[in-house]
């Protein structure tokens, strides 16, 4: 029996990210997902939305059909 796995090339938060430190965030996603680590990728609030910034994933944890991603926000796109 195989394990379903999704490959993601951007971080989509849907507003569920949790701040750990100043620019370090944690995001829990349903299912098993694979992300590139230590490479800058886009951070978006929704798939179809504008980019919120750029993040670098520092850690990916799989457990109980969930993926926990810890990422550092390295740049923020602002409308101000």
Protein backbone atom coordinates (compact mmCIF):
# COMPACT_ATOMS: atom_id res chain seq x y z
CA UNK A 1 0.00 0.00 0.00
CA UNK A 2 1.36 3.41 -0.97
CA UNK A 3 1.52 6.61 1.00
CA UNK A 4 -0.16 9.65 -0.62
CA UNK A 5 2.36 12.47 -0.94
CA UNK A 6 1.97 15.98 -2.32
CA UNK A 7 4.90 18.05 -3.60
CA UNK A 8 4.53 21.77 -2.86
CA UNK A 9 6.60 24.58 -4.37
CA UNK A 10 5.00 27.44 -2.41
CA UNK A 11 3.70 27.98 1.11
CA UNK A 12 -0.07 28.60 1.19
CA UNK A 13 -1.07 29.68 4.71
CA UNK A 14 -4.84 30.27 4.48
CA UNK A 15 -4.31 32.41 7.59
CA UNK A 16 -3.46 29.40 9.78
CA UNK A 17 0.21 30.17 10.40
CA UNK A 18 1.40 30.58 13.99
CA UNK A 19 4.25 32.90 14.93
CA UNK A 20 7.00 31.17 16.90
CA UNK A 21 9.47 34.05 16.99
CA UNK A 22 9.92 37.38 15.24
CA UNK A 23 10.01 36.05 11.65
CA UNK A 24 9.72 32.30 12.30
CA UNK A 25 6.34 30.64 11.71
CA UNK A 26 4.76 27.19 12.02
CA UNK A 27 2.02 25.89 9.73
CA UNK A 28 0.11 22.63 10.06
CA UNK A 29 -1.32 21.11 6.87
CA UNK A 30 -3.47 18.02 6.41
CA UNK A 31 -1.83 15.10 4.61
CA UNK A 32 1.79 14.37 3.84
CA UNK A 33 3.50 17.17 1.92
CA UNK A 34 7.03 17.57 0.70
CA UNK A 35 8.63 21.04 0.49
CA UNK A 36 12.06 22.24 -0.63
CA UNK A 37 14.18 23.03 2.42
CA UNK A 38 16.60 25.99 2.68
CA UNK A 39 15.48 27.44 -0.67
CA UNK A 40 13.48 30.71 -0.89
CA UNK A 41 9.88 30.06 -2.04
CA UNK A 42 6.74 32.18 -2.31
CA UNK A 43 4.41 32.60 0.65
CA UNK A 44 0.75 33.19 -0.23
CA UNK A 45 -2.43 33.47 1.81
CA UNK A 46 -4.39 31.55 -0.87
CA UNK A 47 -3.32 29.78 -4.06
CA UNK A 48 -4.92 32.42 -6.30
CA UNK A 49 -3.83 35.44 -4.22
CA UNK A 50 -0.86 37.75 -4.66
CA UNK A 51 2.41 36.76 -3.06
CA UNK A 52 2.71 37.85 0.59
CA UNK A 53 6.47 37.45 0.59
CA UNK A 54 9.27 34.92 0.45
CA UNK A 55 10.00 32.25 3.03
CA UNK A 56 12.67 29.64 3.64
CA UNK A 57 11.54 26.32 5.10
CA UNK A 58 13.72 25.27 8.02
CA UNK A 59 11.94 22.06 9.09
CA UNK A 60 9.26 19.65 7.83
CA UNK A 61 7.67 17.09 10.19
CA UNK A 62 5.28 14.29 9.21
CA UNK A 63 3.08 12.57 11.78
CA UNK A 64 -0.44 11.18 11.88
CA UNK A 65 -1.40 12.25 8.34
CA UNK A 66 -0.33 15.86 9.01
CA UNK A 67 2.65 17.93 7.94
CA UNK A 68 4.07 20.65 10.16
CA UNK A 69 6.21 23.18 8.32
CA UNK A 70 8.49 25.61 10.15
CA UNK A 71 9.53 28.50 7.92
CA UNK A 72 11.35 31.79 8.21
CA UNK A 73 9.85 34.80 6.46
CA UNK A 74 12.81 36.47 4.72
CA UNK A 75 10.94 39.19 2.84
CA UNK A 76 7.45 40.65 3.08
CA UNK A 77 5.54 42.24 0.21
CA UNK A 78 3.65 45.24 1.54
CA UNK A 79 1.13 47.56 -0.09
CA UNK A 80 2.30 50.48 2.07
